[in-house]
Amino acid sequence: MAAQSELTAIEQQLALMERSVAPRWAWLLVALGLGASVLLAAHASFAYATIDGINQSAKISTSNAILLFQDLATNGPRVTAAIDSSKRGEYSKALTQYVLDGTGVCLGLALAFAGLFIRLNR
């Protein structure tokens, strides 16, 4: 009889362990990651607009936002000779800010996917 009640208690504990609830902080990771990505993407749009405006005044074609980020992240920010000397400092700052914001967007998405992965696999 004692063995039967002990077996029942063990089965109940096992059932409780199998019904574990996914951690709520995983949703916090998803929310923080997406929030950071959205805010940094909005901030990067201002840097992209500055880059595009200076490029248009210098008659340089500006690639789309993702290709520009890929080029800047791979080769680093470069200020070409076609950029007016009075705008080179502003252009350099905009390029650097664009790379930093783009990197933050990627990290925010990685954080959101990590939270989602934790949530789904628990």
Protein backbone atom coordinates (compact mmCIF):
# COMPACT_ATOMS: atom_id res chain seq x y z
CA MET A 1 0.00 0.00 0.00
CA ALA A 2 2.83 2.41 0.87
CA ALA A 3 4.56 1.59 -2.39
CA GLN A 4 1.36 2.36 -4.31
CA SER A 5 0.93 5.79 -2.66
CA GLU A 6 4.61 6.57 -3.25
CA LEU A 7 4.23 5.62 -6.92
CA THR A 8 1.16 7.86 -7.19
CA ALA A 9 3.04 10.76 -5.60
CA ILE A 10 5.94 10.31 -8.02
CA GLU A 11 3.55 10.21 -10.99
CA GLN A 12 1.88 13.42 -9.82
CA GLN A 13 5.26 15.15 -9.48
CA LEU A 14 6.23 13.96 -12.95
CA ALA A 15 2.96 15.26 -14.38
CA LEU A 16 3.60 18.65 -12.78
CA MET A 17 7.11 18.77 -14.21
CA GLU A 18 5.86 17.90 -17.70
CA ARG A 19 3.31 20.70 -17.59
CA SER A 20 5.96 23.34 -17.06
CA VAL A 21 5.00 26.79 -18.23
CA ALA A 22 7.27 28.65 -20.60
CA PRO A 23 9.01 31.55 -18.87
CA ARG A 24 7.24 34.87 -19.15
CA TRP A 25 10.53 36.71 -19.51
CA ALA A 26 10.86 35.23 -23.01
CA TRP A 27 8.09 37.59 -24.13
CA LEU A 28 10.02 40.42 -22.54
CA LEU A 29 13.01 39.55 -24.76
CA VAL A 30 10.76 39.54 -27.82
CA ALA A 31 9.22 42.91 -26.90
CA LEU A 32 12.58 44.53 -26.09
CA GLY A 33 14.16 43.20 -29.27
CA LEU A 34 11.35 44.36 -31.52
CA GLY A 35 11.09 47.70 -29.74
CA ALA A 36 14.82 48.34 -30.10
CA SER A 37 14.70 47.35 -33.77
CA VAL A 38 11.80 49.67 -34.55
CA LEU A 39 13.28 52.63 -32.68
CA LEU A 40 16.74 52.20 -34.18
CA ALA A 41 15.29 51.74 -37.67
CA ALA A 42 13.40 55.02 -37.27
CA HIS A 43 16.60 56.71 -36.10
CA ALA A 44 18.54 55.21 -39.01
CA SER A 45 16.03 56.65 -41.47
CA PHE A 46 17.13 60.17 -40.50
CA ALA A 47 20.77 59.26 -41.11
CA TYR A 48 19.82 57.69 -44.45
CA ALA A 49 17.90 60.84 -45.42
CA THR A 50 20.99 62.95 -44.61
CA ILE A 51 23.22 60.64 -46.66
CA ASP A 52 20.78 60.69 -49.56
CA GLY A 53 20.42 64.48 -49.48
CA ILE A 54 24.18 65.05 -49.53
CA ASN A 55 24.61 62.42 -52.26
CA GLN A 56 21.95 64.10 -54.40
CA SER A 57 23.63 67.49 -54.09
CA ALA A 58 26.92 65.81 -55.13
CA LYS A 59 25.14 63.98 -57.98
CA ILE A 60 25.95 60.53 -56.54
CA SER A 61 23.37 57.76 -56.71
CA THR A 62 22.41 56.32 -53.33
CA SER A 63 21.72 52.59 -53.16
CA ASN A 64 18.74 51.30 -51.23
CA ALA A 65 18.97 51.17 -47.44
CA ILE A 66 19.92 47.50 -47.11
CA LEU A 67 22.59 47.56 -49.82
CA LEU A 68 24.02 50.75 -48.35
CA PHE A 69 24.21 49.13 -44.90
CA GLN A 70 25.86 46.03 -46.38
CA ASP A 71 28.45 48.15 -48.18
CA LEU A 72 29.18 50.32 -45.15
CA ALA A 73 29.37 47.36 -42.77
CA THR A 74 31.73 45.51 -45.11
CA ASN A 75 34.00 48.31 -46.31
CA GLY A 76 33.56 50.92 -43.59
CA PRO A 77 32.31 54.47 -43.95
CA ARG A 78 34.13 56.30 -46.74
CA VAL A 79 33.69 59.90 -47.80
CA THR A 80 34.31 60.27 -51.52
CA ALA A 81 35.99 63.27 -53.11
CA ALA A 82 32.72 64.25 -54.81
CA ILE A 83 31.23 65.31 -51.46
CA ASP A 84 31.47 69.05 -50.79
CA SER A 85 34.18 69.78 -48.23
CA SER A 86 31.78 71.79 -46.05
CA LYS A 87 29.50 68.74 -45.69
CA ARG A 88 32.13 66.04 -45.17
CA GLY A 89 31.91 66.09 -41.38
CA GLU A 90 28.13 65.83 -41.44
CA TYR A 91 28.32 63.08 -44.08
CA SER A 92 30.85 61.09 -42.06
CA LYS A 93 28.74 61.36 -38.91
CA ALA A 94 25.63 60.26 -40.82
CA LEU A 95 27.46 57.25 -42.26
CA THR A 96 28.72 56.22 -38.84
CA GLN A 97 25.31 56.67 -37.24
CA TYR A 98 23.69 54.66 -40.01
CA VAL A 99 26.07 51.75 -39.44
CA LEU A 100 25.54 51.84 -35.66
CA ASP A 101 21.76 51.98 -36.01
CA GLY A 102 21.76 49.18 -38.58
CA THR A 103 23.84 47.01 -36.28
CA GLY A 104 21.44 47.74 -33.44
CA VAL A 105 18.49 46.74 -35.61
CA CYS A 106 20.16 43.40 -36.37
CA LEU A 107 20.94 42.80 -32.69
CA GLY A 108 17.37 43.70 -31.72
CA LEU A 109 16.00 41.20 -34.21
CA ALA A 110 18.39 38.55 -32.89
CA LEU A 111 17.19 39.26 -29.34
CA ALA A 112 13.55 38.98 -30.43
CA PHE A 113 14.18 35.68 -32.19
CA ALA A 114 16.06 34.36 -29.16
CA GLY A 115 13.07 35.15 -26.96
CA LEU A 116 10.73 33.52 -29.44
CA PHE A 117 12.97 30.46 -29.62
CA ILE A 118 12.98 30.16 -25.82
CA ARG A 119 9.22 30.60 -25.70
CA LEU A 120 8.48 27.98 -28.35
CA ASN A 121 10.94 25.37 -27.10
CA ARG A 122 9.92 25.39 -23.46
